C-alpha atoms as a PDB file:
ATOM      1  CA  GLN A   1      14.179  16.032  21.962  1.00  0.00           C
ATOM      2  CA  VAL A   2      11.358  16.035  19.438  1.00  0.00           C
ATOM      3  CA  GLN A   3       7.682  15.549  20.243  1.00  0.00           C
ATOM      4  CA  LEU A   4       5.232  14.146  17.717  1.00  0.00           C
ATOM      5  CA  VAL A   5       1.438  14.180  18.014  1.00  0.00           C
ATOM      6  CA  GLU A   6      -0.732  12.395  15.445  1.00  0.00           C
ATOM      7  CA  SER A   7      -4.394  13.044  14.804  1.00  0.00           C
ATOM      8  CA  GLY A   8      -7.033  12.312  12.199  1.00  0.00           C
ATOM      9  CA  GLY A   9      -7.594   8.591  12.511  1.00  0.00           C
ATOM     10  CA  GLY A  10     -11.042   7.047  12.543  1.00  0.00           C
ATOM     11  CA  LEU A  11     -13.466   4.520  11.145  1.00  0.00           C
ATOM     12  CA  VAL A  12     -14.246   4.804   7.438  1.00  0.00           C
ATOM     13  CA  GLN A  13     -15.641   2.631   4.681  1.00  0.00           C
ATOM     14  CA  ALA A  14     -13.693   1.133   1.825  1.00  0.00           C
ATOM     15  CA  GLY A  15     -13.151   3.717  -0.893  1.00  0.00           C
ATOM     16  CA  ASP A  16     -13.275   6.649   1.521  1.00  0.00           C
ATOM     17  CA  SER A  17     -10.518   9.166   2.180  1.00  0.00           C
ATOM     18  CA  LEU A  18      -8.870  10.262   5.400  1.00  0.00           C
ATOM     19  CA  ARG A  19      -6.122  12.719   6.276  1.00  0.00           C
ATOM     20  CA  LEU A  20      -3.715  12.133   9.132  1.00  0.00           C
ATOM     21  CA  SER A  21      -1.759  14.973  10.706  1.00  0.00           C
ATOM     22  CA  CYS A  22       1.480  14.912  12.665  1.00  0.00           C
ATOM     23  CA  ALA A  23       2.482  18.035  14.566  1.00  0.00           C
ATOM     24  CA  PHE A  24       6.110  18.072  15.608  1.00  0.00           C
ATOM     25  CA  SER A  25       7.841  20.301  18.129  1.00  0.00           C
ATOM     26  CA  GLY A  26      11.043  20.602  20.109  1.00  0.00           C
ATOM     27  CA  ARG A  27      14.464  20.431  18.446  1.00  0.00           C
ATOM     28  CA  THR A  28      12.898  20.471  14.998  1.00  0.00           C
ATOM     29  CA  PHE A  29      15.909  22.115  13.350  1.00  0.00           C
ATOM     30  CA  ASN A  30      17.688  18.766  13.611  1.00  0.00           C
ATOM     31  CA  ILE A  31      15.028  16.771  11.744  1.00  0.00           C
ATOM     32  CA  VAL A  32      15.904  15.558   8.237  1.00  0.00           C
ATOM     33  CA  HIS A  33      13.085  13.147   7.398  1.00  0.00           C
ATOM     34  CA  MET A  34       9.533  12.658   8.576  1.00  0.00           C
ATOM     35  CA  GLY A  35       7.778   9.380   7.941  1.00  0.00           C
ATOM     36  CA  TRP A  36       4.574   7.439   8.406  1.00  0.00           C
ATOM     37  CA  PHE A  37       4.539   3.816   9.456  1.00  0.00           C
ATOM     38  CA  ARG A  38       1.701   1.468  10.328  1.00  0.00           C
ATOM     39  CA  GLN A  39       1.145  -1.683  12.304  1.00  0.00           C
ATOM     40  CA  ALA A  40      -1.794  -4.000  11.785  1.00  0.00           C
ATOM     41  CA  PRO A  41      -2.862  -6.500  14.458  1.00  0.00           C
ATOM     42  CA  GLY A  42      -0.491  -9.456  14.542  1.00  0.00           C
ATOM     43  CA  LYS A  43       1.866  -7.924  11.994  1.00  0.00           C
ATOM     44  CA  GLU A  44       5.202  -6.148  12.045  1.00  0.00           C
ATOM     45  CA  ARG A  45       5.312  -2.389  11.783  1.00  0.00           C
ATOM     46  CA  GLU A  46       5.817  -1.377   8.155  1.00  0.00           C
ATOM     47  CA  PHE A  47       6.936   1.679   6.269  1.00  0.00           C
ATOM     48  CA  VAL A  48       4.240   3.724   4.535  1.00  0.00           C
ATOM     49  CA  ALA A  49       5.761   6.997   3.320  1.00  0.00           C
ATOM     50  CA  THR A  50       8.534   9.455   3.999  1.00  0.00           C
ATOM     51  CA  ILE A  51       9.320  13.053   3.128  1.00  0.00           C
ATOM     52  CA  ARG A  52      12.580  14.943   3.295  1.00  0.00           C
ATOM     53  CA  LEU A  53      11.939  18.267   5.010  1.00  0.00           C
ATOM     54  CA  SER A  54      14.547  20.051   2.939  1.00  0.00           C
ATOM     55  CA  GLY A  55      13.521  19.770  -0.700  1.00  0.00           C
ATOM     56  CA  GLY A  56      10.358  17.783  -0.141  1.00  0.00           C
ATOM     57  CA  SER A  57      11.364  14.561  -1.885  1.00  0.00           C
ATOM     58  CA  THR A  58       9.020  11.680  -1.063  1.00  0.00           C
ATOM     59  CA  SER A  59       8.992   7.917  -1.097  1.00  0.00           C
ATOM     60  CA  TYR A  60       6.139   5.424  -0.712  1.00  0.00           C
ATOM     61  CA  ALA A  61       5.548   1.788  -0.038  1.00  0.00           C
ATOM     62  CA  ASP A  62       4.308  -0.035  -3.130  1.00  0.00           C
ATOM     63  CA  SER A  63       1.061  -0.924  -1.358  1.00  0.00           C
ATOM     64  CA  VAL A  64       0.032   2.731  -1.029  1.00  0.00           C
ATOM     65  CA  LYS A  65       1.629   4.273  -4.100  1.00  0.00           C
ATOM     66  CA  GLY A  66      -0.946   6.245  -6.078  1.00  0.00           C
ATOM     67  CA  ARG A  67      -3.402   6.298  -3.167  1.00  0.00           C
ATOM     68  CA  PHE A  68      -1.524   8.027  -0.339  1.00  0.00           C
ATOM     69  CA  THR A  69       0.257  11.377  -0.415  1.00  0.00           C
ATOM     70  CA  ILE A  70       2.664  12.689   2.206  1.00  0.00           C
ATOM     71  CA  SER A  71       3.142  16.442   2.483  1.00  0.00           C
ATOM     72  CA  ARG A  72       4.414  19.041   4.900  1.00  0.00           C
ATOM     73  CA  ASP A  73       3.460  22.481   6.134  1.00  0.00           C
ATOM     74  CA  ASP A  74       6.650  24.182   7.280  1.00  0.00           C
ATOM     75  CA  ALA A  75       4.811  27.100   8.884  1.00  0.00           C
ATOM     76  CA  ARG A  76       2.803  24.736  11.066  1.00  0.00           C
ATOM     77  CA  ASN A  77       5.558  22.148  11.637  1.00  0.00           C
ATOM     78  CA  THR A  78       3.073  19.550  10.503  1.00  0.00           C
ATOM     79  CA  VAL A  79       3.278  16.575   8.195  1.00  0.00           C
ATOM     80  CA  TYR A  80       0.181  15.087   6.587  1.00  0.00           C
ATOM     81  CA  LEU A  81      -0.749  11.751   5.120  1.00  0.00           C
ATOM     82  CA  GLN A  82      -3.642  12.055   2.702  1.00  0.00           C
ATOM     83  CA  MET A  83      -5.145   8.633   2.171  1.00  0.00           C
ATOM     84  CA  THR A  84      -7.607   7.971  -0.642  1.00  0.00           C
ATOM     85  CA  ASN A  85      -9.389   4.875  -1.919  1.00  0.00           C
ATOM     86  CA  LEU A  86      -8.858   3.219   1.434  1.00  0.00           C
ATOM     87  CA  LYS A  87      -9.006  -0.559   1.620  1.00  0.00           C
ATOM     88  CA  PRO A  88      -9.711  -2.890   4.554  1.00  0.00           C
ATOM     89  CA  GLU A  89      -6.053  -3.956   4.441  1.00  0.00           C
ATOM     90  CA  ASP A  90      -5.074  -0.369   5.297  1.00  0.00           C
ATOM     91  CA  THR A  91      -6.523  -0.920   8.769  1.00  0.00           C
ATOM     92  CA  ALA A  92      -3.741  -0.343  11.284  1.00  0.00           C
ATOM     93  CA  VAL A  93      -2.338   1.978  13.901  1.00  0.00           C
ATOM     94  CA  TYR A  94      -0.501   4.696  12.016  1.00  0.00           C
ATOM     95  CA  TYR A  95       2.618   6.198  13.547  1.00  0.00           C
ATOM     96  CA  CYS A  96       4.440   9.377  12.683  1.00  0.00           C
ATOM     97  CA  ALA A  97       8.216   9.310  13.025  1.00  0.00           C
ATOM     98  CA  ALA A  98      11.145  11.685  12.699  1.00  0.00           C
ATOM     99  CA  ARG A  99      14.776  11.099  11.858  1.00  0.00           C
ATOM    100  CA  SER A 100      17.408  13.584  12.902  1.00  0.00           C
ATOM    101  CA  ARG A 101      20.544  14.335  10.912  1.00  0.00           C
ATOM    102  CA  THR A 102      22.698  12.524  13.463  1.00  0.00           C
ATOM    103  CA  ASP A 103      20.814   9.224  13.281  1.00  0.00           C
ATOM    104  CA  ALA A 104      20.584   6.559  10.610  1.00  0.00           C
ATOM    105  CA  LYS A 105      17.086   5.481  11.627  1.00  0.00           C
ATOM    106  CA  TYR A 106      13.873   7.052  12.808  1.00  0.00           C
ATOM    107  CA  ASN A 107      14.411   7.831  16.454  1.00  0.00           C
ATOM    108  CA  TYR A 108      11.350   9.834  17.444  1.00  0.00           C
ATOM    109  CA  TRP A 109       7.838   8.359  17.382  1.00  0.00           C
ATOM    110  CA  GLY A 110       4.325   9.539  18.026  1.00  0.00           C
ATOM    111  CA  GLN A 111       1.738   7.652  20.050  1.00  0.00           C
ATOM    112  CA  GLY A 112      -0.130   6.405  16.989  1.00  0.00           C
ATOM    113  CA  THR A 113      -3.628   6.895  15.639  1.00  0.00           C
ATOM    114  CA  GLN A 114      -6.041   4.119  14.706  1.00  0.00           C
ATOM    115  CA  VAL A 115      -7.368   3.849  11.173  1.00  0.00           C
ATOM    116  CA  THR A 116     -10.086   1.265  10.587  1.00  0.00           C
ATOM    117  CA  VAL A 117     -11.473   0.621   7.121  1.00  0.00           C
ATOM    118  CA  SER A 118     -14.645  -1.437   6.894  1.00  0.00           C
ATOM    119  CA  SER A 119     -15.599  -3.374   3.793  1.00  0.00           C
END
């Protein structure tokens, strides 16, 4: 099993920056990808960013490309999502997720952290 704990959400104004953290523990040796997803009220959960733990390759949703950066700290078993130039449409619950090498989809999820961007 893998445990994920997000932190760093909050209420900010448009144009501000915020950094989310996701600490992961447990059977971490089996994790291949870590990702961030978000879900706004009344909307489906959507992909935000992902990072491959081995090699560090990243991928982003078009809506956040150039504004958000996903990174990892291997020593701390932590993945970050640095968000800059935040917009009201970025308001959502942000979830950290992990995909193990034996699964085709993300199968471990954190509890989520709320990000609210006021205009």
